[in-house]
Amino acid sequence: MKQRVRLMVFGCIGGILGSLIAETIEPKTEDEATATMMVISCAVWFGIIATLIAIFLRWSIALNCAHRFPTPRQIATSTVIGFVAGAIGGALAQSAYMLFEEGFVKRVVVRILCWGVSGGFLGILLSQGVPNLRPWRGGIFGILGGIAGGAVLVGIFELAEGDSVLARVLAIATTGSILGLSIAIADAVEARRGAYIEVNYSPKESVRITLGATPITFGGTASDTVYMKGFGSGSLVISLKAGKVFARQSGTNDIALGAKSLISIGTTTIRIHC
């Protein structure tokens, strides 16, 4: 499965599960609670959704690098930071939403922009799991993804002539999928502006990994960027230094590589793009 497709599918699954769990604490309306309770309710509601989307997108990123599952630490980090980022985004969104009177602007424009804010927080979070993706770029594309997802959500609500569980689940699933695509696009833009490697696991399975300040390691441990069964930790390290790509295998020195250079490790081939 292509990495961008996997990100979209896993983002969609995370959105579905997150929205179903969050339905147990459906956000309060103005008729049911005070302004403070509404903000808290919305913060928890979106925090749960963001957590599930973050965990599943982090899982997708791990699969793209041949890991079967993210590590417990990665799951814990996604859970904590995902909830905090989602809660902050949800609280800010609800606070801004309450500033406007009922009407088209509040129902459509403000709601879409609020989802953009939440998407930006998620984009910054998820950029931490993508090798050498800068947080600001992840944030920008997260905002765009959130706006696109918010537009879909509003469109579904308008067609359904109101808010409903089915509409929310469908809209949030779409939003999770769009956020996954946004992260894939952000990573592609990052790669095209610098150097990257194309890792071919098989004739039908390949991924692109951006090179940057953090070296890319290949090995058989959970701490390696790309998992290689049967190899020791850091069996191959590819790094970018002063605009040049270097490779180092265990017990050897750095070797400079040119564009289109090929490296083989086990059954995996790596092509350099710079």
Protein backbone atom coordinates (compact mmCIF):
# COMPACT_ATOMS: atom_id res chain seq x y z
CA MET A 1 0.00 0.00 0.00
CA LYS A 2 1.35 3.46 -0.89
CA GLN A 3 2.35 5.52 2.13
CA ARG A 4 -0.09 8.37 1.43
CA VAL A 5 -2.96 5.91 0.97
CA ARG A 6 -2.05 4.17 4.22
CA LEU A 7 -2.01 7.53 6.04
CA MET A 8 -5.45 8.38 4.65
CA VAL A 9 -6.93 4.98 5.55
CA PHE A 10 -5.51 4.98 9.08
CA GLY A 11 -6.53 8.60 9.62
CA CYS A 12 -10.06 7.63 8.57
CA ILE A 13 -10.12 4.66 10.98
CA GLY A 14 -8.82 6.83 13.83
CA GLY A 15 -11.49 9.43 13.07
CA ILE A 16 -14.27 6.82 13.11
CA LEU A 17 -13.16 5.23 16.39
CA GLY A 18 -12.43 8.59 18.00
CA SER A 19 -15.81 10.02 17.07
CA LEU A 20 -17.66 6.91 18.30
CA ILE A 21 -15.87 7.03 21.66
CA ALA A 22 -16.36 10.80 21.91
CA GLU A 23 -20.10 10.36 21.37
CA THR A 24 -20.29 9.18 24.98
CA ILE A 25 -19.55 12.77 26.00
CA GLU A 26 -21.26 14.67 23.19
CA PRO A 27 -20.39 18.42 23.42
CA LYS A 28 -22.91 20.45 25.43
CA THR A 29 -25.13 23.00 23.73
CA GLU A 30 -25.88 26.54 24.88
CA ASP A 31 -29.21 25.32 26.28
CA GLU A 32 -27.58 22.62 28.38
CA ALA A 33 -24.54 24.21 30.03
CA THR A 34 -22.65 27.34 30.93
CA ALA A 35 -20.01 28.79 28.60
CA THR A 36 -17.21 27.29 30.71
CA MET A 37 -18.78 23.84 30.69
CA MET A 38 -19.23 24.05 26.92
CA VAL A 39 -15.55 24.90 26.42
CA ILE A 40 -14.45 22.05 28.70
CA SER A 41 -16.86 19.62 27.06
CA CYS A 42 -15.67 20.54 23.57
CA ALA A 43 -12.02 20.33 24.68
CA VAL A 44 -12.46 16.78 26.02
CA TRP A 45 -14.58 15.78 23.01
CA PHE A 46 -12.01 16.87 20.44
CA GLY A 47 -9.14 15.69 22.64
CA ILE A 48 -10.46 12.12 22.42
CA ILE A 49 -10.93 12.38 18.65
CA ALA A 50 -7.46 13.89 18.15
CA THR A 51 -5.90 11.18 20.33
CA LEU A 52 -7.32 8.34 18.23
CA ILE A 53 -6.41 10.07 14.95
CA ALA A 54 -2.88 10.72 16.25
CA ILE A 55 -2.38 7.11 17.41
CA PHE A 56 -3.57 5.61 14.13
CA LEU A 57 -1.57 8.04 12.00
CA ARG A 58 1.49 7.28 14.14
CA TRP A 59 0.81 3.59 13.53
CA SER A 60 0.65 4.27 9.79
CA ILE A 61 3.99 6.09 9.93
CA ALA A 62 5.51 3.06 11.74
CA LEU A 63 4.15 0.70 9.08
CA ASN A 64 5.65 2.88 6.35
CA CYS A 65 9.02 2.21 7.96
CA ALA A 66 8.40 -1.57 8.16
CA HIS A 67 7.64 -1.60 11.90
CA ARG A 68 4.63 -3.73 12.74
CA PHE A 69 3.47 -1.45 15.56
CA PRO A 70 4.57 1.84 17.08
CA THR A 71 6.55 1.46 20.30
CA PRO A 72 4.79 1.81 23.68
CA ARG A 73 6.60 5.12 24.12
CA GLN A 74 5.35 6.38 20.75
CA ILE A 75 1.80 5.34 21.63
CA ALA A 76 2.06 7.05 25.02
CA THR A 77 3.45 10.21 23.43
CA SER A 78 0.72 10.25 20.78
CA THR A 79 -1.91 9.73 23.47
CA VAL A 80 -0.72 12.49 25.77
CA ILE A 81 0.28 15.09 23.20
CA GLY A 82 -2.64 14.17 20.93
CA PHE A 83 -5.15 14.75 23.72
CA VAL A 84 -3.49 17.98 24.85
CA ALA A 85 -3.23 19.33 21.29
CA GLY A 86 -6.81 18.32 20.51
CA ALA A 87 -8.12 19.75 23.78
CA ILE A 88 -6.37 23.08 23.21
CA GLY A 89 -7.63 23.22 19.64
CA GLY A 90 -11.17 22.29 20.73
CA ALA A 91 -11.22 24.82 23.57
CA LEU A 92 -9.96 27.63 21.33
CA ALA A 93 -12.43 26.64 18.63
CA GLN A 94 -15.40 26.63 21.01
CA SER A 95 -14.32 29.93 22.61
CA ALA A 96 -14.12 31.59 19.20
CA TYR A 97 -17.37 29.97 18.12
CA MET A 98 -19.26 31.51 21.05
CA LEU A 99 -18.19 35.04 20.11
CA PHE A 100 -20.49 35.12 17.09
CA GLU A 101 -24.25 35.35 16.77
CA GLU A 102 -26.22 32.55 15.15
CA GLY A 103 -26.21 32.70 11.35
CA PHE A 104 -24.27 31.71 8.25
CA VAL A 105 -20.95 33.14 9.45
CA LYS A 106 -21.05 31.20 12.73
CA ARG A 107 -22.58 28.04 11.26
CA VAL A 108 -20.25 27.80 8.28
CA VAL A 109 -17.24 30.15 8.21
CA VAL A 110 -16.32 30.10 11.91
CA ARG A 111 -16.85 26.35 12.23
CA ILE A 112 -14.55 25.67 9.25
CA LEU A 113 -11.84 28.00 10.59
CA CYS A 114 -12.09 26.39 14.04
CA TRP A 115 -11.44 22.98 12.53
CA GLY A 116 -8.45 24.56 10.78
CA VAL A 117 -7.06 25.63 14.17
CA SER A 118 -7.48 22.11 15.55
CA GLY A 119 -5.92 20.61 12.41
CA GLY A 120 -2.90 22.87 12.84
CA PHE A 121 -2.26 21.57 16.35
CA LEU A 122 -2.54 17.99 15.09
CA GLY A 123 -0.22 18.72 12.18
CA ILE A 124 2.45 20.03 14.55
CA LEU A 125 2.05 16.93 16.71
CA LEU A 126 2.19 14.43 13.87
CA SER A 127 5.23 16.07 12.31
CA GLN A 128 7.21 14.78 15.29
CA GLY A 129 6.70 11.21 14.05
CA VAL A 130 7.72 11.82 10.44
CA PRO A 131 11.52 11.79 9.97
CA ASN A 132 12.85 15.30 9.29
CA LEU A 133 9.44 16.92 8.73
CA ARG A 134 9.59 20.42 10.19
CA PRO A 135 6.81 21.18 12.71
CA TRP A 136 5.86 24.49 11.06
CA ARG A 137 5.32 22.75 7.72
CA GLY A 138 3.26 20.03 9.40
CA GLY A 139 1.26 22.76 11.14
CA ILE A 140 0.53 24.64 7.91
CA PHE A 141 -0.65 21.55 6.08
CA GLY A 142 -2.53 20.48 9.20
CA ILE A 143 -4.42 23.79 9.11
CA LEU A 144 -5.24 23.26 5.43
CA GLY A 145 -6.33 19.70 6.16
CA GLY A 146 -8.47 20.86 9.09
CA ILE A 147 -10.12 23.53 6.95
CA ALA A 148 -10.84 20.99 4.22
CA GLY A 149 -12.20 18.54 6.80
CA GLY A 150 -14.26 21.29 8.42
CA ALA A 151 -15.73 22.19 5.03
CA VAL A 152 -16.74 18.55 4.54
CA LEU A 153 -18.23 18.45 8.05
CA VAL A 154 -20.26 21.63 7.46
CA GLY A 155 -21.36 20.37 4.06
CA ILE A 156 -22.60 17.10 5.57
CA PHE A 157 -24.42 18.98 8.34
CA GLU A 158 -26.05 21.27 5.78
CA LEU A 159 -27.16 18.36 3.62
CA ALA A 160 -28.40 16.46 6.68
CA GLU A 161 -30.19 19.64 7.78
CA GLY A 162 -28.69 19.49 11.23
CA ASP A 163 -26.21 17.80 13.55
CA SER A 164 -26.43 14.03 14.02
CA VAL A 165 -24.26 11.13 15.18
CA LEU A 166 -23.96 9.72 11.66
CA ALA A 167 -23.06 13.13 10.23
CA ARG A 168 -20.39 13.69 12.89
CA VAL A 169 -18.84 10.23 12.44
CA LEU A 170 -18.75 10.58 8.65
CA ALA A 171 -17.37 14.11 8.80
CA ILE A 172 -14.69 13.29 11.39
CA ALA A 173 -13.67 10.15 9.50
CA THR A 174 -13.21 12.31 6.40
CA THR A 175 -11.30 14.88 8.42
CA GLY A 176 -8.93 12.19 9.75
CA SER A 177 -8.35 10.95 6.21
CA ILE A 178 -7.66 14.47 4.94
CA LEU A 179 -5.25 15.13 7.82
CA GLY A 180 -3.38 11.94 6.89
CA LEU A 181 -3.15 13.13 3.29
CA SER A 182 -2.01 16.56 4.52
CA ILE A 183 0.89 14.99 6.44
CA ALA A 184 1.85 12.98 3.34
CA ILE A 185 1.81 16.14 1.20
CA ALA A 186 3.81 18.09 3.78
CA ASP A 187 6.44 15.34 3.84
CA ALA A 188 6.55 15.25 0.01
CA VAL A 189 7.07 19.03 -0.14
CA GLU A 190 9.82 18.78 2.49
CA ALA A 191 11.53 16.02 0.50
CA ARG A 192 11.32 17.83 -2.83
CA ARG A 193 12.98 20.91 -1.34
CA GLY A 194 15.99 18.92 -0.13
CA ALA A 195 17.15 15.33 -0.24
CA TYR A 196 15.36 12.07 0.37
CA ILE A 197 15.75 8.33 0.01
CA GLU A 198 13.42 5.91 -1.72
CA VAL A 199 13.27 2.63 0.20
CA ASN A 200 12.06 -0.33 -1.89
CA TYR A 201 10.95 -3.26 0.25
CA SER A 202 9.60 -5.16 -2.75
CA PRO A 203 8.62 -4.40 -6.38
CA LYS A 204 5.20 -3.26 -5.13
CA GLU A 205 6.15 -1.63 -1.82
CA SER A 206 8.29 1.49 -1.52
CA VAL A 207 8.36 4.57 0.69
CA ARG A 208 10.05 7.95 0.59
CA ILE A 209 11.90 9.23 3.66
CA THR A 210 13.16 12.80 3.93
CA LEU A 211 16.78 13.40 4.86
CA GLY A 212 17.69 16.20 7.22
CA ALA A 213 19.16 16.94 10.65
CA THR A 214 18.15 13.52 12.02
CA PRO A 215 20.06 10.55 10.51
CA ILE A 216 17.98 7.67 9.14
CA THR A 217 18.95 4.35 10.71
CA PHE A 218 18.25 0.84 9.42
CA GLY A 219 18.27 -2.08 11.83
CA GLY A 220 16.33 -4.71 13.71
CA THR A 221 15.32 -2.75 16.81
CA ALA A 222 12.32 -0.58 17.61
CA SER A 223 14.59 2.46 17.91
CA ASP A 224 15.71 2.25 14.26
CA THR A 225 13.94 4.49 11.75
CA VAL A 226 13.46 1.60 9.31
CA TYR A 227 13.03 -1.91 10.66
CA MET A 228 15.23 -4.62 9.09
CA LYS A 229 14.60 -8.07 10.52
CA GLY A 230 17.73 -9.96 11.43
CA PHE A 231 20.02 -6.92 11.47
CA GLY A 232 21.61 -5.20 14.44
CA SER A 233 20.72 -1.71 15.56
CA GLY A 234 22.09 0.97 13.23
CA SER A 235 23.41 -1.54 10.69
CA LEU A 236 23.13 1.24 8.11
CA VAL A 237 22.98 4.97 8.77
CA ILE A 238 22.20 7.53 6.07
CA SER A 239 22.70 11.18 6.93
CA LEU A 240 22.72 14.62 5.34
CA LYS A 241 25.69 16.86 6.16
CA ALA A 242 26.36 20.23 4.55
CA GLY A 243 24.05 19.36 1.68
CA LYS A 244 25.76 16.03 0.94
CA VAL A 245 24.44 12.53 1.57
CA PHE A 246 26.59 10.02 3.46
CA ALA A 247 26.11 6.34 4.27
CA ARG A 248 27.81 4.36 7.02
CA GLN A 249 27.54 0.64 7.71
CA SER A 250 28.51 -0.96 11.00
CA GLY A 251 32.25 -0.70 11.56
CA THR A 252 32.93 1.56 8.56
CA ASN A 253 33.42 5.26 7.96
CA ASP A 254 31.04 7.62 6.18
CA ILE A 255 30.94 7.26 2.39
CA ALA A 256 29.68 10.16 0.25
CA LEU A 257 26.86 9.27 -2.13
CA GLY A 258 25.67 10.97 -5.30
CA ALA A 259 22.20 11.37 -6.77
CA LYS A 260 20.62 8.08 -7.89
CA SER A 261 23.12 6.00 -5.89
CA LEU A 262 21.83 2.58 -4.91
CA ILE A 263 22.40 0.71 -1.64
CA SER A 264 21.29 -2.84 -0.91
CA ILE A 265 20.74 -4.22 2.57
CA GLY A 266 19.16 -7.65 2.75
CA THR A 267 16.26 -7.72 0.29
CA THR A 268 15.78 -3.96 0.53
CA THR A 269 17.21 -1.44 -1.93
CA ILE A 270 17.65 2.26 -1.22
CA ARG A 271 17.93 4.94 -3.90
CA ILE A 272 19.36 8.36 -3.10
CA HIS A 273 17.66 11.53 -4.38
CA CYS A 274 19.42 14.84 -3.80
